[in-house]
Amino acid sequence: MAVDKSLMAGSTTILILKLLEEKDMYGYQIIETLAQRSDETFNLKAGTLYPILHNLDKQGYVESYEKEEGNGKVRKYYHLTSKGKKLLQEKHQEWITFSSAVNRILKGGADYASA
């Protein structure tokens, strides 16, 4: 079942921050990892990802640097800053609060429907 893109929009930033908490990554690597870990639910396009990364960089939540790969290709990597780690913690807590509230409502709806 496809997920409404408006539902995904609010969670994309926290997912990117979480991946960068684990390790520095370049853009395509972020796209691939999100797709793999979400069973293709989060299948971002470069045109969606890079504006988010640039905004996070501009605000000081991530830093970018270039690194030459073994094949001579230079890639731009993104690194989570301490400010970004703090934002991730805040966003994670927001997500817990939000998802718990939604689940309580959905569960209550199911209870009422069966009553």
PDB file of N, CA and C in Angstrom:
ATOM      1  N   MET A   1       0.835  -1.177   0.000  1.00  0.00           N
ATOM      2  CA  MET A   1       0.000   0.000   0.000  1.00  0.00           C
ATOM      3  C   MET A   1       0.885   1.248   0.000  1.00  0.00           C
ATOM      4  N   ALA A   2       0.619   2.162  -0.871  1.00  0.00           N
ATOM      5  CA  ALA A   2       1.380   3.402  -0.945  1.00  0.00           C
ATOM      6  C   ALA A   2       0.968   4.328   0.202  1.00  0.00           C
ATOM      7  N   VAL A   3       1.936   5.075   0.698  1.00  0.00           N
ATOM      8  CA  VAL A   3       1.690   6.004   1.789  1.00  0.00           C
ATOM      9  C   VAL A   3       1.568   7.414   1.225  1.00  0.00           C
ATOM     10  N   ASP A   4       0.590   8.149   1.692  1.00  0.00           N
ATOM     11  CA  ASP A   4       0.358   9.522   1.269  1.00  0.00           C
ATOM     12  C   ASP A   4       1.623  10.353   1.519  1.00  0.00           C
ATOM     13  N   LYS A   5       2.080  11.048   0.494  1.00  0.00           N
ATOM     14  CA  LYS A   5       3.308  11.829   0.589  1.00  0.00           C
ATOM     15  C   LYS A   5       3.233  12.905   1.662  1.00  0.00           C
ATOM     16  N   SER A   6       2.059  13.427   1.942  1.00  0.00           N
ATOM     17  CA  SER A   6       1.942  14.453   2.978  1.00  0.00           C
ATOM     18  C   SER A   6       2.249  13.876   4.368  1.00  0.00           C
ATOM     19  N   LEU A   7       1.996  12.590   4.563  1.00  0.00           N
ATOM     20  CA  LEU A   7       2.346  11.941   5.829  1.00  0.00           C
ATOM     21  C   LEU A   7       3.861  11.807   5.969  1.00  0.00           C
ATOM     22  N   MET A   8       4.522  11.565   4.857  1.00  0.00           N
ATOM     23  CA  MET A   8       5.971  11.375   4.886  1.00  0.00           C
ATOM     24  C   MET A   8       6.736  12.685   5.023  1.00  0.00           C
ATOM     25  N   ALA A   9       6.174  13.774   4.527  1.00  0.00           N
ATOM     26  CA  ALA A   9       6.884  15.051   4.482  1.00  0.00           C
ATOM     27  C   ALA A   9       7.387  15.489   5.853  1.00  0.00           C
ATOM     28  N   GLY A  10       6.578  15.331   6.872  1.00  0.00           N
ATOM     29  CA  GLY A  10       6.965  15.776   8.204  1.00  0.00           C
ATOM     30  C   GLY A  10       8.024  14.921   8.867  1.00  0.00           C
ATOM     31  N   SER A  11       8.236  13.728   8.384  1.00  0.00           N
ATOM     32  CA  SER A  11       9.192  12.825   9.041  1.00  0.00           C
ATOM     33  C   SER A  11      10.512  12.691   8.299  1.00  0.00           C
ATOM     34  N   THR A  12      10.627  13.270   7.129  1.00  0.00           N
ATOM     35  CA  THR A  12      11.842  13.112   6.335  1.00  0.00           C
ATOM     36  C   THR A  12      13.069  13.661   7.044  1.00  0.00           C
ATOM     37  N   THR A  13      12.957  14.835   7.635  1.00  0.00           N
ATOM     38  CA  THR A  13      14.109  15.448   8.303  1.00  0.00           C
ATOM     39  C   THR A  13      14.626  14.583   9.436  1.00  0.00           C
ATOM     40  N   ILE A  14      13.746  14.077  10.279  1.00  0.00           N
ATOM     41  CA  ILE A  14      14.199  13.257  11.408  1.00  0.00           C
ATOM     42  C   ILE A  14      14.890  11.983  10.913  1.00  0.00           C
ATOM     43  N   LEU A  15      14.404  11.417   9.819  1.00  0.00           N
ATOM     44  CA  LEU A  15      15.008  10.199   9.287  1.00  0.00           C
ATOM     45  C   LEU A  15      16.409  10.479   8.745  1.00  0.00           C
ATOM     46  N   ILE A  16      16.568  11.597   8.069  1.00  0.00           N
ATOM     47  CA  ILE A  16      17.892  11.984   7.554  1.00  0.00           C
ATOM     48  C   ILE A  16      18.847  12.217   8.718  1.00  0.00           C
ATOM     49  N   LEU A  17      18.399  12.942   9.727  1.00  0.00           N
ATOM     50  CA  LEU A  17      19.242  13.192  10.898  1.00  0.00           C
ATOM     51  C   LEU A  17      19.646  11.887  11.576  1.00  0.00           C
ATOM     52  N   LYS A  18      18.703  10.952  11.672  1.00  0.00           N
ATOM     53  CA  LYS A  18      18.996   9.666  12.324  1.00  0.00           C
ATOM     54  C   LYS A  18      20.066   8.896  11.566  1.00  0.00           C
ATOM     55  N   LEU A  19      19.968   8.875  10.230  1.00  0.00           N
ATOM     56  CA  LEU A  19      20.988   8.182   9.445  1.00  0.00           C
ATOM     57  C   LEU A  19      22.352   8.824   9.634  1.00  0.00           C
ATOM     58  N   LEU A  20      22.376  10.154   9.662  1.00  0.00           N
ATOM     59  CA  LEU A  20      23.654  10.857   9.823  1.00  0.00           C
ATOM     60  C   LEU A  20      24.203  10.733  11.237  1.00  0.00           C
ATOM     61  N   GLU A  21      23.353  10.424  12.198  1.00  0.00           N
ATOM     62  CA  GLU A  21      23.835  10.161  13.554  1.00  0.00           C
ATOM     63  C   GLU A  21      24.664   8.870  13.553  1.00  0.00           C
ATOM     64  N   GLU A  22      24.256   7.925  12.724  1.00  0.00           N
ATOM     65  CA  GLU A  22      24.951   6.636  12.654  1.00  0.00           C
ATOM     66  C   GLU A  22      26.305   6.765  11.989  1.00  0.00           C
ATOM     67  N   LYS A  23      26.357   7.526  10.872  1.00  0.00           N
ATOM     68  CA  LYS A  23      27.621   7.725  10.164  1.00  0.00           C
ATOM     69  C   LYS A  23      27.458   8.812   9.108  1.00  0.00           C
ATOM     70  N   ASP A  24      28.579   9.410   8.718  1.00  0.00           N
ATOM     71  CA  ASP A  24      28.563  10.390   7.647  1.00  0.00           C
ATOM     72  C   ASP A  24      28.162   9.695   6.350  1.00  0.00           C
ATOM     73  N   MET A  25      27.369  10.374   5.537  1.00  0.00           N
ATOM     74  CA  MET A  25      26.885   9.782   4.291  1.00  0.00           C
ATOM     75  C   MET A  25      26.850  10.830   3.203  1.00  0.00           C
ATOM     76  N   TYR A  26      26.891  10.373   1.957  1.00  0.00           N
ATOM     77  CA  TYR A  26      26.669  11.262   0.818  1.00  0.00           C
ATOM     78  C   TYR A  26      25.215  11.094   0.378  1.00  0.00           C
ATOM     79  N   GLY A  27      24.740  12.026  -0.440  1.00  0.00           N
ATOM     80  CA  GLY A  27      23.325  12.093  -0.780  1.00  0.00           C
ATOM     81  C   GLY A  27      22.716  10.809  -1.303  1.00  0.00           C
ATOM     82  N   TYR A  28      23.324  10.227  -2.310  1.00  0.00           N
ATOM     83  CA  TYR A  28      22.755   9.011  -2.900  1.00  0.00           C
ATOM     84  C   TYR A  28      22.713   7.878  -1.876  1.00  0.00           C
ATOM     85  N   GLN A  29      23.705   7.841  -1.006  1.00  0.00           N
ATOM     86  CA  GLN A  29      23.758   6.829   0.050  1.00  0.00           C
ATOM     87  C   GLN A  29      22.575   7.004   1.016  1.00  0.00           C
ATOM     88  N   ILE A  30      22.239   8.243   1.317  1.00  0.00           N
ATOM     89  CA  ILE A  30      21.079   8.527   2.174  1.00  0.00           C
ATOM     90  C   ILE A  30      19.802   8.041   1.493  1.00  0.00           C
ATOM     91  N   ILE A  31      19.653   8.370   0.223  1.00  0.00           N
ATOM     92  CA  ILE A  31      18.475   7.954  -0.541  1.00  0.00           C
ATOM     93  C   ILE A  31      18.335   6.429  -0.538  1.00  0.00           C
ATOM     94  N   GLU A  32      19.425   5.744  -0.840  1.00  0.00           N
ATOM     95  CA  GLU A  32      19.404   4.275  -0.890  1.00  0.00           C
ATOM     96  C   GLU A  32      19.113   3.654   0.470  1.00  0.00           C
ATOM     97  N   THR A  33      19.737   4.178   1.517  1.00  0.00           N
ATOM     98  CA  THR A  33      19.544   3.619   2.855  1.00  0.00           C
ATOM     99  C   THR A  33      18.110   3.809   3.332  1.00  0.00           C
ATOM    100  N   LEU A  34      17.554   5.009   3.105  1.00  0.00           N
ATOM    101  CA  LEU A  34      16.149   5.244   3.478  1.00  0.00           C
ATOM    102  C   LEU A  34      15.219   4.275   2.750  1.00  0.00           C
ATOM    103  N   ALA A  35      15.443   4.090   1.472  1.00  0.00           N
ATOM    104  CA  ALA A  35      14.599   3.186   0.685  1.00  0.00           C
ATOM    105  C   ALA A  35      14.713   1.748   1.199  1.00  0.00           C
ATOM    106  N   GLN A  36      15.934   1.285   1.434  1.00  0.00           N
ATOM    107  CA  GLN A  36      16.144  -0.091   1.891  1.00  0.00           C
ATOM    108  C   GLN A  36      15.519  -0.336   3.259  1.00  0.00           C
ATOM    109  N   ARG A  37      15.779   0.557   4.194  1.00  0.00           N
ATOM    110  CA  ARG A  37      15.299   0.346   5.561  1.00  0.00           C
ATOM    111  C   ARG A  37      13.794   0.498   5.694  1.00  0.00           C
ATOM    112  N   SER A  38      13.174   1.193   4.752  1.00  0.00           N
ATOM    113  CA  SER A  38      11.724   1.420   4.841  1.00  0.00           C
ATOM    114  C   SER A  38      10.951   0.551   3.857  1.00  0.00           C
ATOM    115  N   ASP A  39      11.594  -0.472   3.292  1.00  0.00           N
ATOM    116  CA  ASP A  39      10.955  -1.308   2.280  1.00  0.00           C
ATOM    117  C   ASP A  39      10.351  -0.453   1.169  1.00  0.00           C
ATOM    118  N   GLU A  40      11.122   0.530   0.733  1.00  0.00           N
ATOM    119  CA  GLU A  40      10.780   1.433  -0.381  1.00  0.00           C
ATOM    120  C   GLU A  40       9.665   2.434  -0.057  1.00  0.00           C
ATOM    121  N   THR A  41       9.240   2.533   1.205  1.00  0.00           N
ATOM    122  CA  THR A  41       8.236   3.535   1.568  1.00  0.00           C
ATOM    123  C   THR A  41       8.820   4.934   1.406  1.00  0.00           C
ATOM    124  N   PHE A  42      10.060   5.116   1.866  1.00  0.00           N
ATOM    125  CA  PHE A  42      10.748   6.393   1.711  1.00  0.00           C
ATOM    126  C   PHE A  42      11.678   6.282   0.516  1.00  0.00           C
ATOM    127  N   ASN A  43      11.153   6.629  -0.624  1.00  0.00           N
ATOM    128  CA  ASN A  43      11.900   6.554  -1.879  1.00  0.00           C
ATOM    129  C   ASN A  43      12.084   7.983  -2.380  1.00  0.00           C
ATOM    130  N   LEU A  44      13.038   8.697  -1.777  1.00  0.00           N
ATOM    131  CA  LEU A  44      13.235  10.117  -2.074  1.00  0.00           C
ATOM    132  C   LEU A  44      13.921  10.323  -3.415  1.00  0.00           C
ATOM    133  N   LYS A  45      13.596  11.420  -4.020  1.00  0.00           N
ATOM    134  CA  LYS A  45      14.289  11.868  -5.227  1.00  0.00           C
ATOM    135  C   LYS A  45      15.370  12.855  -4.785  1.00  0.00           C
ATOM    136  N   ALA A  46      16.401  12.985  -5.589  1.00  0.00           N
ATOM    137  CA  ALA A  46      17.483  13.925  -5.284  1.00  0.00           C
ATOM    138  C   ALA A  46      16.939  15.344  -5.128  1.00  0.00           C
ATOM    139  N   GLY A  47      15.941  15.688  -5.930  1.00  0.00           N
ATOM    140  CA  GLY A  47      15.343  17.017  -5.866  1.00  0.00           C
ATOM    141  C   GLY A  47      14.599  17.288  -4.573  1.00  0.00           C
ATOM    142  N   THR A  48      14.288  16.243  -3.832  1.00  0.00           N
ATOM    143  CA  THR A  48      13.670  16.386  -2.515  1.00  0.00           C
ATOM    144  C   THR A  48      14.736  16.413  -1.431  1.00  0.00           C
ATOM    145  N   LEU A  49      15.706  15.516  -1.540  1.00  0.00           N
ATOM    146  CA  LEU A  49      16.729  15.375  -0.503  1.00  0.00           C
ATOM    147  C   LEU A  49      17.668  16.575  -0.411  1.00  0.00           C
ATOM    148  N   TYR A  50      18.217  17.009  -1.535  1.00  0.00           N
ATOM    149  CA  TYR A  50      19.265  18.023  -1.472  1.00  0.00           C
ATOM    150  C   TYR A  50      18.805  19.365  -0.908  1.00  0.00           C
ATOM    151  N   PRO A  51      17.608  19.838  -1.209  1.00  0.00           N
ATOM    152  CA  PRO A  51      17.166  21.072  -0.536  1.00  0.00           C
ATOM    153  C   PRO A  51      17.076  20.919   0.987  1.00  0.00           C
ATOM    154  N   ILE A  52      16.667  19.745   1.453  1.00  0.00           N
ATOM    155  CA  ILE A  52      16.611  19.492   2.892  1.00  0.00           C
ATOM    156  C   ILE A  52      18.024  19.525   3.473  1.00  0.00           C
ATOM    157  N   LEU A  53      18.954  18.827   2.820  1.00  0.00           N
ATOM    158  CA  LEU A  53      20.344  18.817   3.297  1.00  0.00           C
ATOM    159  C   LEU A  53      20.949  20.218   3.293  1.00  0.00           C
ATOM    160  N   HIS A  54      20.696  20.984   2.244  1.00  0.00           N
ATOM    161  CA  HIS A  54      21.245  22.345   2.160  1.00  0.00           C
ATOM    162  C   HIS A  54      20.676  23.220   3.269  1.00  0.00           C
ATOM    163  N   ASN A  55      19.397  23.060   3.554  1.00  0.00           N
ATOM    164  CA  ASN A  55      18.769  23.822   4.628  1.00  0.00           C
ATOM    165  C   ASN A  55      19.349  23.432   5.990  1.00  0.00           C
ATOM    166  N   LEU A  56      19.521  22.138   6.220  1.00  0.00           N
ATOM    167  CA  LEU A  56      20.111  21.662   7.474  1.00  0.00           C
ATOM    168  C   LEU A  56      21.543  22.167   7.621  1.00  0.00           C
ATOM    169  N   ASP A  57      22.267  22.212   6.510  1.00  0.00           N
ATOM    170  CA  ASP A  57      23.645  22.718   6.505  1.00  0.00           C
ATOM    171  C   ASP A  57      23.653  24.213   6.838  1.00  0.00           C
ATOM    172  N   LYS A  58      22.774  24.953   6.201  1.00  0.00           N
ATOM    173  CA  LYS A  58      22.691  26.395   6.403  1.00  0.00           C
ATOM    174  C   LYS A  58      22.363  26.740   7.860  1.00  0.00           C
ATOM    175  N   GLN A  59      21.546  25.906   8.486  1.00  0.00           N
ATOM    176  CA  GLN A  59      21.143  26.141   9.876  1.00  0.00           C
ATOM    177  C   GLN A  59      22.135  25.581  10.894  1.00  0.00           C
ATOM    178  N   GLY A  60      23.180  24.902  10.409  1.00  0.00           N
ATOM    179  CA  GLY A  60      24.212  24.387  11.306  1.00  0.00           C
ATOM    180  C   GLY A  60      23.921  23.035  11.921  1.00  0.00           C
ATOM    181  N   TYR A  61      22.915  22.325  11.410  1.00  0.00           N
ATOM    182  CA  TYR A  61      22.598  21.004  11.937  1.00  0.00           C
ATOM    183  C   TYR A  61      23.465  19.916  11.320  1.00  0.00           C
ATOM    184  N   VAL A  62      23.906  20.135  10.110  1.00  0.00           N
ATOM    185  CA  VAL A  62      24.852  19.234   9.454  1.00  0.00           C
ATOM    186  C   VAL A  62      25.970  20.081   8.842  1.00  0.00           C
ATOM    187  N   GLU A  63      27.081  19.442   8.605  1.00  0.00           N
ATOM    188  CA  GLU A  63      28.190  20.061   7.882  1.00  0.00           C
ATOM    189  C   GLU A  63      28.504  19.172   6.701  1.00  0.00           C
ATOM    190  N   SER A  64      28.912  19.792   5.608  1.00  0.00           N
ATOM    191  CA  SER A  64      29.278  19.003   4.435  1.00  0.00           C
ATOM    192  C   SER A  64      30.782  19.126   4.191  1.00  0.00           C
ATOM    193  N   TYR A  65      31.326  18.086   3.624  1.00  0.00           N
ATOM    194  CA  TYR A  65      32.739  18.089   3.248  1.00  0.00           C
ATOM    195  C   TYR A  65      32.912  17.170   2.052  1.00  0.00           C
ATOM    196  N   GLU A  66      33.948  17.416   1.304  1.00  0.00           N
ATOM    197  CA  GLU A  66      34.215  16.588   0.127  1.00  0.00           C
ATOM    198  C   GLU A  66      35.280  15.568   0.455  1.00  0.00           C
ATOM    199  N   LYS A  67      35.106  14.382  -0.113  1.00  0.00           N
ATOM    200  CA  LYS A  67      36.045  13.283   0.124  1.00  0.00           C
ATOM    201  C   LYS A  67      36.248  12.555  -1.189  1.00  0.00           C
ATOM    202  N   GLU A  68      37.493  12.308  -1.514  1.00  0.00           N
ATOM    203  CA  GLU A  68      37.805  11.594  -2.745  1.00  0.00           C
ATOM    204  C   GLU A  68      37.695  10.094  -2.493  1.00  0.00           C
ATOM    205  N   GLU A  69      36.950   9.443  -3.366  1.00  0.00           N
ATOM    206  CA  GLU A  69      36.781   7.993  -3.277  1.00  0.00           C
ATOM    207  C   GLU A  69      37.980   7.318  -3.950  1.00  0.00           C
ATOM    208  N   GLY A  70      38.078   6.012  -3.792  1.00  0.00           N
ATOM    209  CA  GLY A  70      39.176   5.257  -4.372  1.00  0.00           C
ATOM    210  C   GLY A  70      39.282   5.373  -5.883  1.00  0.00           C
ATOM    211  N   ASN A  71      38.158   5.610  -6.549  1.00  0.00           N
ATOM    212  CA  ASN A  71      38.146   5.690  -8.009  1.00  0.00           C
ATOM    213  C   ASN A  71      38.443   7.103  -8.522  1.00  0.00           C
ATOM    214  N   GLY A  72      38.821   8.004  -7.614  1.00  0.00           N
ATOM    215  CA  GLY A  72      39.127   9.370  -8.007  1.00  0.00           C
ATOM    216  C   GLY A  72      37.931  10.289  -8.001  1.00  0.00           C
ATOM    217  N   LYS A  73      36.749   9.735  -7.797  1.00  0.00           N
ATOM    218  CA  LYS A  73      35.529  10.539  -7.757  1.00  0.00           C
ATOM    219  C   LYS A  73      35.431  11.255  -6.408  1.00  0.00           C
ATOM    220  N   VAL A  74      35.041  12.515  -6.449  1.00  0.00           N
ATOM    221  CA  VAL A  74      34.873  13.297  -5.226  1.00  0.00           C
ATOM    222  C   VAL A  74      33.387  13.331  -4.872  1.00  0.00           C
ATOM    223  N   ARG A  75      33.097  12.986  -3.631  1.00  0.00           N
ATOM    224  CA  ARG A  75      31.707  12.986  -3.165  1.00  0.00           C
ATOM    225  C   ARG A  75      31.555  13.971  -2.016  1.00  0.00           C
ATOM    226  N   LYS A  76      30.366  14.544  -1.926  1.00  0.00           N
ATOM    227  CA  LYS A  76      30.047  15.452  -0.827  1.00  0.00           C
ATOM    228  C   LYS A  76      29.358  14.650   0.264  1.00  0.00           C
ATOM    229  N   TYR A  77      29.996  14.602   1.418  1.00  0.00           N
ATOM    230  CA  TYR A  77      29.462  13.890   2.574  1.00  0.00           C
ATOM    231  C   TYR A  77      28.828  14.881   3.537  1.00  0.00           C
ATOM    232  N   TYR A  78      27.891  14.366   4.331  1.00  0.00           N
ATOM    233  CA  TYR A  78      27.218  15.175   5.335  1.00  0.00           C
ATOM    234  C   TYR A  78      27.470  14.560   6.705  1.00  0.00           C
ATOM    235  N   HIS A  79      27.741  15.434   7.660  1.00  0.00           N
ATOM    236  CA  HIS A  79      28.087  15.042   9.026  1.00  0.00           C
ATOM    237  C   HIS A  79      27.141  15.742   9.997  1.00  0.00           C
ATOM    238  N   LEU A  80      26.586  15.011  10.949  1.00  0.00           N
ATOM    239  CA  LEU A  80      25.686  15.574  11.949  1.00  0.00           C
ATOM    240  C   LEU A  80      26.498  16.338  12.989  1.00  0.00           C
ATOM    241  N   THR A  81      26.145  17.594  13.228  1.00  0.00           N
ATOM    242  CA  THR A  81      26.832  18.412  14.226  1.00  0.00           C
ATOM    243  C   THR A  81      26.205  18.182  15.600  1.00  0.00           C
ATOM    244  N   SER A  82      26.812  18.733  16.642  1.00  0.00           N
ATOM    245  CA  SER A  82      26.228  18.614  17.983  1.00  0.00           C
ATOM    246  C   SER A  82      24.877  19.331  18.033  1.00  0.00           C
ATOM    247  N   LYS A  83      24.752  20.428  17.311  1.00  0.00           N
ATOM    248  CA  LYS A  83      23.461  21.128  17.212  1.00  0.00           C
ATOM    249  C   LYS A  83      22.432  20.226  16.517  1.00  0.00           C
ATOM    250  N   GLY A  84      22.873  19.475  15.512  1.00  0.00           N
ATOM    251  CA  GLY A  84      22.000  18.541  14.814  1.00  0.00           C
ATOM    252  C   GLY A  84      21.573  17.383  15.700  1.00  0.00           C
ATOM    253  N   LYS A  85      22.477  16.931  16.570  1.00  0.00           N
ATOM    254  CA  LYS A  85      22.136  15.846  17.502  1.00  0.00           C
ATOM    255  C   LYS A  85      21.054  16.305  18.472  1.00  0.00           C
ATOM    256  N   LYS A  86      21.163  17.556  18.905  1.00  0.00           N
ATOM    257  CA  LYS A  86      20.149  18.115  19.800  1.00  0.00           C
ATOM    258  C   LYS A  86      18.798  18.206  19.079  1.00  0.00           C
ATOM    259  N   LEU A  87      18.818  18.656  17.828  1.00  0.00           N
ATOM    260  CA  LEU A  87      17.584  18.723  17.042  1.00  0.00           C
ATOM    261  C   LEU A  87      16.978  17.338  16.863  1.00  0.00           C
ATOM    262  N   LEU A  88      17.819  16.340  16.601  1.00  0.00           N
ATOM    263  CA  LEU A  88      17.337  14.967  16.451  1.00  0.00           C
ATOM    264  C   LEU A  88      16.639  14.499  17.720  1.00  0.00           C
ATOM    265  N   GLN A  89      17.217  14.773  18.874  1.00  0.00           N
ATOM    266  CA  GLN A  89      16.589  14.382  20.144  1.00  0.00           C
ATOM    267  C   GLN A  89      15.223  15.055  20.294  1.00  0.00           C
ATOM    268  N   GLU A  90      15.164  16.353  19.963  1.00  0.00           N
ATOM    269  CA  GLU A  90      13.897  17.083  20.060  1.00  0.00           C
ATOM    270  C   GLU A  90      12.862  16.512  19.102  1.00  0.00           C
ATOM    271  N   LYS A  91      13.268  16.273  17.854  1.00  0.00           N
ATOM    272  CA  LYS A  91      12.349  15.742  16.846  1.00  0.00           C
ATOM    273  C   LYS A  91      11.901  14.331  17.212  1.00  0.00           C
ATOM    274  N   HIS A  92      12.813  13.550  17.792  1.00  0.00           N
ATOM    275  CA  HIS A  92      12.459  12.193  18.200  1.00  0.00           C
ATOM    276  C   HIS A  92      11.389  12.241  19.292  1.00  0.00           C
ATOM    277  N   GLN A  93      11.556  13.138  20.263  1.00  0.00           N
ATOM    278  CA  GLN A  93      10.566  13.263  21.330  1.00  0.00           C
ATOM    279  C   GLN A  93       9.227  13.734  20.771  1.00  0.00           C
ATOM    280  N   GLU A  94       9.270  14.689  19.827  1.00  0.00           N
ATOM    281  CA  GLU A  94       8.039  15.139  19.163  1.00  0.00           C
ATOM    282  C   GLU A  94       7.341  13.970  18.478  1.00  0.00           C
ATOM    283  N   TRP A  95       8.139  13.132  17.807  1.00  0.00           N
ATOM    284  CA  TRP A  95       7.572  11.991  17.079  1.00  0.00           C
ATOM    285  C   TRP A  95       6.905  11.013  18.049  1.00  0.00           C
ATOM    286  N   ILE A  96       7.543  10.752  19.176  1.00  0.00           N
ATOM    287  CA  ILE A  96       6.971   9.844  20.176  1.00  0.00           C
ATOM    288  C   ILE A  96       5.634  10.393  20.673  1.00  0.00           C
ATOM    289  N   THR A  97       5.597  11.682  20.984  1.00  0.00           N
ATOM    290  CA  THR A  97       4.369  12.312  21.459  1.00  0.00           C
ATOM    291  C   THR A  97       3.278  12.243  20.395  1.00  0.00           C
ATOM    292  N   PHE A  98       3.635  12.613  19.161  1.00  0.00           N
ATOM    293  CA  PHE A  98       2.682  12.629  18.051  1.00  0.00           C
ATOM    294  C   PHE A  98       2.154  11.225  17.745  1.00  0.00           C
ATOM    295  N   SER A  99       3.050  10.266  17.572  1.00  0.00           N
ATOM    296  CA  SER A  99       2.623   8.915  17.195  1.00  0.00           C
ATOM    297  C   SER A  99       1.827   8.253  18.317  1.00  0.00           C
ATOM    298  N   SER A 100       2.174   8.536  19.561  1.00  0.00           N
ATOM    299  CA  SER A 100       1.405   7.986  20.685  1.00  0.00           C
ATOM    300  C   SER A 100      -0.019   8.528  20.679  1.00  0.00           C
ATOM    301  N   ALA A 101      -0.149   9.836  20.417  1.00  0.00           N
ATOM    302  CA  ALA A 101      -1.478  10.444  20.379  1.00  0.00           C
ATOM    303  C   ALA A 101      -2.314   9.861  19.243  1.00  0.00           C
ATOM    304  N   VAL A 102      -1.711   9.717  18.068  1.00  0.00           N
ATOM    305  CA  VAL A 102      -2.432   9.139  16.929  1.00  0.00           C
ATOM    306  C   VAL A 102      -2.848   7.704  17.258  1.00  0.00           C
ATOM    307  N   ASN A 103      -1.942   6.929  17.815  1.00  0.00           N
ATOM    308  CA  ASN A 103      -2.255   5.534  18.151  1.00  0.00           C
ATOM    309  C   ASN A 103      -3.356   5.427  19.198  1.00  0.00           C
ATOM    310  N   ARG A 104      -3.345   6.345  20.182  1.00  0.00           N
ATOM    311  CA  ARG A 104      -4.416   6.318  21.192  1.00  0.00           C
ATOM    312  C   ARG A 104      -5.769   6.587  20.540  1.00  0.00           C
ATOM    313  N   ILE A 105      -5.805   7.547  19.621  1.00  0.00           N
ATOM    314  CA  ILE A 105      -7.062   7.867  18.947  1.00  0.00           C
ATOM    315  C   ILE A 105      -7.520   6.697  18.078  1.00  0.00           C
ATOM    316  N   LEU A 106      -6.583   6.134  17.313  1.00  0.00           N
ATOM    317  CA  LEU A 106      -6.944   5.012  16.444  1.00  0.00           C
ATOM    318  C   LEU A 106      -7.397   3.810  17.268  1.00  0.00           C
ATOM    319  N   LYS A 107      -6.728   3.553  18.354  1.00  0.00           N
ATOM    320  CA  LYS A 107      -7.111   2.441  19.222  1.00  0.00           C
ATOM    321  C   LYS A 107      -8.472   2.687  19.836  1.00  0.00           C
ATOM    322  N   GLY A 108      -8.710   3.924  20.275  1.00  0.00           N
ATOM    323  CA  GLY A 108     -10.021   4.281  20.857  1.00  0.00           C
ATOM    324  C   GLY A 108     -11.104   4.136  19.820  1.00  0.00           C
ATOM    325  N   GLY A 109     -10.820   4.516  18.598  1.00  0.00           N
ATOM    326  CA  GLY A 109     -11.787   4.383  17.506  1.00  0.00           C
ATOM    327  C   GLY A 109     -12.149   2.932  17.280  1.00  0.00           C
ATOM    328  N   ALA A 110     -11.155   2.056  17.355  1.00  0.00           N
ATOM    329  CA  ALA A 110     -11.403   0.620  17.173  1.00  0.00           C
ATOM    330  C   ALA A 110     -12.239   0.076  18.328  1.00  0.00           C
ATOM    331  N   ASP A 111     -11.943   0.553  19.574  1.00  0.00           N
ATOM    332  CA  ASP A 111     -12.698   0.095  20.733  1.00  0.00           C
ATOM    333  C   ASP A 111     -14.156   0.503  20.636  1.00  0.00           C
ATOM    334  N   TYR A 112     -14.388   1.752  20.209  1.00  0.00           N
ATOM    335  CA  TYR A 112     -15.754   2.239  20.093  1.00  0.00           C
ATOM    336  C   TYR A 112     -16.514   1.515  18.983  1.00  0.00           C
ATOM    337  N   ALA A 113     -15.818   1.195  17.917  1.00  0.00           N
ATOM    338  CA  ALA A 113     -16.481   0.531  16.784  1.00  0.00           C
ATOM    339  C   ALA A 113     -16.934  -0.867  17.164  1.00  0.00           C
ATOM    340  N   SER A 114     -16.196  -1.521  18.049  1.00  0.00           N
ATOM    341  CA  SER A 114     -16.542  -2.895  18.418  1.00  0.00           C
ATOM    342  C   SER A 114     -17.518  -2.949  19.590  1.00  0.00           C
ATOM    343  N   ALA A 115     -17.783  -1.812  20.220  1.00  0.00           N
ATOM    344  CA  ALA A 115     -18.661  -1.793  21.400  1.00  0.00           C
ATOM    345  C   ALA A 115     -20.115  -1.900  21.021  1.00  0.00           C
TER     346      ALA A 115
END
